[in-house]
C-alpha cells in the first residue's frame, strides 16, 4: 500500500493525489490557530498534472493524500501529426502519444530525436518535462533596427529551426547553434 502524506508535510514540488488526480504543490502556507482548540490549516497552491489548472485550496493539517503513481521515463521526440506528438519510450521502446493540450508550447523547443522526460500516471503518458536548455539552429535572422540601443544591448530577431522567434545579440549569424531557455523561450548563449 502506498504511503499517505499529511497536508502539513506537503511542501513545494511535492506530488500528491487528490480526488483521483495527480497534483504538484507550487506553494504551501501553514496557518496556526490563535485561539485554543483551533485547527492548524494548510493552504496549498497546486497544479493539476492532467489539466495544468492551477488553484489554491485550504486543508486541515491532518488531511491525508495518497502518493500518485507517477514516473518519469526517458523518451525521444519522433514527430507530430493530426493525432498528436509521438515519442519513443527509451525503456520499453513503445511509441507514446501526447495530444495538443498535453504538449502546451513544448513543440517550440522540439526537434526530431530530442531527448526529454515523459510523465506517466498509472502507466499512461500525461505530459513531458523539457530540459532546462535546448540547442537549436538559427534558421533566419532579421537585421537590427536602427536606434535600438537604448537599453544598452542591441538585439535582433532570429527564427529558430522549430519556427520560434527569439531576440539574439547582433553577433549571432544564420546557421549557428544557440542555447535557448525552455522556461522563458529566451536566448541563453552560443551552443
Protein backbone atom coordinates (compact mmCIF):
# COMPACT_ATOMS: atom_id res chain seq x y z
CA UNK A 1 0.00 0.00 0.00
CA UNK A 2 1.28 3.45 -0.87
CA UNK A 3 2.24 5.77 1.97
CA UNK A 4 -0.14 8.55 2.92
CA UNK A 5 1.06 12.16 3.07
CA UNK A 6 -0.37 14.55 5.66
CA UNK A 7 -1.29 18.01 4.38
CA UNK A 8 1.03 19.69 6.91
CA UNK A 9 4.02 17.78 5.45
CA UNK A 10 3.37 18.73 1.81
CA UNK A 11 5.98 21.21 0.64
CA UNK A 12 6.83 22.91 -2.65
CA UNK A 13 7.49 20.46 -5.53
CA UNK A 14 5.83 17.53 -3.70
CA UNK A 15 3.48 15.37 -5.77
CA UNK A 16 0.24 14.05 -4.27
CA UNK A 17 -3.09 12.60 -5.35
CA UNK A 18 -6.31 14.49 -4.63
CA UNK A 19 -9.76 13.48 -5.91
CA UNK A 20 -8.20 10.76 -8.12
CA UNK A 21 -5.88 13.15 -9.98
CA UNK A 22 -2.15 13.86 -9.57
CA UNK A 23 -1.13 17.30 -8.31
CA UNK A 24 2.14 19.17 -7.88
CA UNK A 25 2.47 21.57 -4.94
CA UNK A 26 3.59 25.01 -6.11
CA UNK A 27 3.49 26.65 -2.66
CA UNK A 28 2.29 25.87 0.85
CA UNK A 29 1.36 28.13 3.74
CA UNK A 30 0.64 26.89 7.27
CA UNK A 31 -1.75 28.91 9.47
CA UNK A 32 -1.51 28.15 13.18
CA UNK A 33 -4.59 28.84 15.28
CA UNK A 34 -4.64 31.88 17.57
CA UNK A 35 -7.39 30.51 19.81
CA UNK A 36 -7.04 27.44 21.98
CA UNK A 37 -8.72 24.49 20.30
CA UNK A 38 -8.44 25.98 16.80
CA UNK A 39 -7.23 23.83 13.93
CA UNK A 40 -3.99 24.28 12.05
CA UNK A 41 -4.78 24.91 8.37
CA UNK A 42 -2.60 24.36 5.32
CA UNK A 43 -3.19 26.45 2.20
CA UNK A 44 -1.78 24.76 -0.91
CA UNK A 45 -1.25 26.30 -4.31
CA UNK A 46 -1.41 23.28 -6.59
CA UNK A 47 -1.32 22.31 -10.25
CA UNK A 48 -3.43 19.51 -11.66
CA UNK A 49 -0.97 17.48 -13.76
CA UNK A 50 -3.73 16.24 -16.08
CA UNK A 51 -5.29 19.63 -16.95
CA UNK A 52 -2.49 22.04 -15.90
CA UNK A 53 -5.10 24.05 -13.96
CA UNK A 54 -3.64 25.97 -11.00
CA UNK A 55 -5.65 26.84 -7.92
CA UNK A 56 -5.41 27.27 -4.15
CA UNK A 57 -7.22 25.14 -1.62
CA UNK A 58 -7.16 25.03 2.19
CA UNK A 59 -6.91 21.72 4.05
CA UNK A 60 -6.80 20.67 7.70
CA UNK A 61 -3.27 19.80 8.87
CA UNK A 62 -4.24 16.14 9.37
CA UNK A 63 -5.87 15.60 5.95
CA UNK A 64 -4.17 12.72 4.16
CA UNK A 65 -3.28 12.23 0.49
CA UNK A 66 -2.02 9.22 -1.43
CA UNK A 67 1.25 9.32 -3.30
CA UNK A 68 0.42 9.27 -7.02
CA UNK A 69 1.63 6.51 -9.34
CA UNK A 70 3.81 8.99 -11.25
CA UNK A 71 7.02 8.08 -13.07
CA UNK A 72 9.37 9.95 -15.36
CA UNK A 73 10.62 7.91 -18.30
CA UNK A 74 13.31 8.92 -20.79
CA UNK A 75 11.90 9.41 -24.28
CA UNK A 76 12.89 10.83 -27.64
CA UNK A 77 10.70 13.02 -29.83
CA UNK A 78 9.73 11.34 -33.12
CA UNK A 79 7.19 13.54 -34.96
CA UNK A 80 3.83 15.32 -34.73
CA UNK A 81 0.73 14.78 -36.85
CA UNK A 82 -3.05 15.24 -36.58
CA UNK A 83 -3.30 12.69 -33.76
CA UNK A 84 -0.70 14.42 -31.58
CA UNK A 85 3.02 14.28 -30.86
CA UNK A 86 4.74 10.91 -30.82
CA UNK A 87 7.63 9.84 -28.59
CA UNK A 88 9.72 6.68 -28.25
CA UNK A 89 9.93 5.39 -24.67
CA UNK A 90 13.64 4.60 -24.24
CA UNK A 91 12.95 1.86 -21.66
CA UNK A 92 10.09 -0.15 -23.21
CA UNK A 93 10.61 1.04 -26.84
CA UNK A 94 6.88 1.64 -27.27
CA UNK A 95 5.52 4.72 -29.05
CA UNK A 96 3.67 7.11 -26.73
CA UNK A 97 1.38 9.89 -27.97
CA UNK A 98 0.54 13.20 -26.29
CA UNK A 99 -2.33 15.34 -27.57
CA UNK A 100 -2.03 19.07 -28.30
CA UNK A 101 -3.33 20.10 -24.85
CA UNK A 102 -0.73 17.93 -23.10
CA UNK A 103 2.07 19.46 -25.20
CA UNK A 104 1.45 23.14 -24.48
CA UNK A 105 4.22 25.19 -26.11
CA UNK A 106 6.77 22.35 -25.99
CA UNK A 107 6.79 21.99 -29.80
CA UNK A 108 8.61 25.35 -29.97
CA UNK A 109 11.65 23.58 -28.49
CA UNK A 110 11.48 20.08 -30.00
CA UNK A 111 13.39 18.74 -32.99
CA UNK A 112 13.40 15.16 -34.20
CA UNK A 113 15.44 12.96 -31.86
CA UNK A 114 15.38 15.40 -28.91
CA UNK A 115 15.74 13.60 -25.57
CA UNK A 116 13.39 14.50 -22.72
CA UNK A 117 11.40 13.04 -19.83
CA UNK A 118 7.76 11.92 -20.15
CA UNK A 119 5.40 11.90 -17.16
CA UNK A 120 3.33 8.73 -16.85
CA UNK A 121 0.41 8.49 -14.44
CA UNK A 122 -0.97 4.99 -13.80
CA UNK A 123 1.04 3.83 -16.84
CA UNK A 124 -0.39 6.41 -19.27
CA UNK A 125 1.54 9.43 -20.64
CA UNK A 126 0.18 12.74 -19.31
CA UNK A 127 2.87 15.30 -20.10
CA UNK A 128 6.53 15.98 -20.59
CA UNK A 129 9.42 17.63 -18.86
CA UNK A 130 11.74 19.55 -21.14
CA UNK A 131 15.41 20.04 -20.30
CA UNK A 132 16.30 23.48 -18.89
CA UNK A 133 18.14 24.43 -22.10
CA UNK A 134 17.83 23.19 -25.67
CA UNK A 135 20.28 23.69 -28.51
CA UNK A 136 18.66 24.83 -31.75
CA UNK A 137 19.90 26.15 -35.09
CA UNK A 138 19.21 29.71 -36.25
CA UNK A 139 17.25 29.38 -39.49
CA UNK A 140 16.94 33.11 -40.29
CA UNK A 141 17.90 36.44 -38.71
CA UNK A 142 16.43 39.90 -39.24
CA UNK A 143 18.66 42.98 -39.46
CA UNK A 144 18.89 45.04 -36.26
CA UNK A 145 16.67 48.09 -36.06
CA UNK A 146 18.50 51.42 -36.11
CA UNK A 147 18.28 53.24 -32.79
CA UNK A 148 17.51 50.01 -30.96
CA UNK A 149 20.37 50.52 -28.48
CA UNK A 150 18.57 52.48 -25.74
CA UNK A 151 18.67 49.51 -23.38
CA UNK A 152 22.43 49.14 -23.81
CA UNK A 153 22.24 45.74 -25.52
CA UNK A 154 21.47 45.70 -29.22
CA UNK A 155 19.48 42.67 -30.36
CA UNK A 156 17.78 41.38 -33.46
CA UNK A 157 15.09 38.82 -34.13
CA UNK A 158 16.07 35.30 -35.15
CA UNK A 159 13.84 32.45 -36.30
CA UNK A 160 14.82 29.03 -34.99
CA UNK A 161 14.56 25.76 -36.88
CA UNK A 162 11.38 24.96 -34.91
CA UNK A 163 9.72 28.23 -36.03
CA UNK A 164 10.07 30.02 -32.68
CA UNK A 165 11.25 33.65 -32.90
CA UNK A 166 13.63 34.96 -30.24
CA UNK A 167 15.84 38.00 -29.69
CA UNK A 168 19.57 37.38 -30.07
CA UNK A 169 22.67 39.59 -29.92
CA UNK A 170 23.93 41.14 -33.18
CA UNK A 171 26.93 38.79 -33.44
CA UNK A 172 24.71 35.68 -33.89
CA UNK A 173 24.53 34.57 -37.54
CA UNK A 174 22.24 32.27 -39.53
CA UNK A 175 23.16 28.61 -39.24
CA UNK A 176 24.68 28.98 -35.75
CA UNK A 177 23.54 26.75 -32.91
CA UNK A 178 22.28 28.60 -29.81
CA UNK A 179 21.09 27.63 -26.33
CA UNK A 180 17.51 28.62 -25.51
CA UNK A 181 15.89 28.50 -22.06
CA UNK A 182 12.76 26.36 -22.29
CA UNK A 183 11.02 28.06 -19.36
CA UNK A 184 11.13 31.56 -20.87
CA UNK A 185 11.98 30.94 -24.53
CA UNK A 186 14.90 33.37 -24.37
CA UNK A 187 18.41 33.26 -25.82
CA UNK A 188 20.92 31.92 -23.28
CA UNK A 189 24.16 31.75 -25.24
CA UNK A 190 26.02 30.04 -28.05
CA UNK A 191 25.93 26.27 -28.03
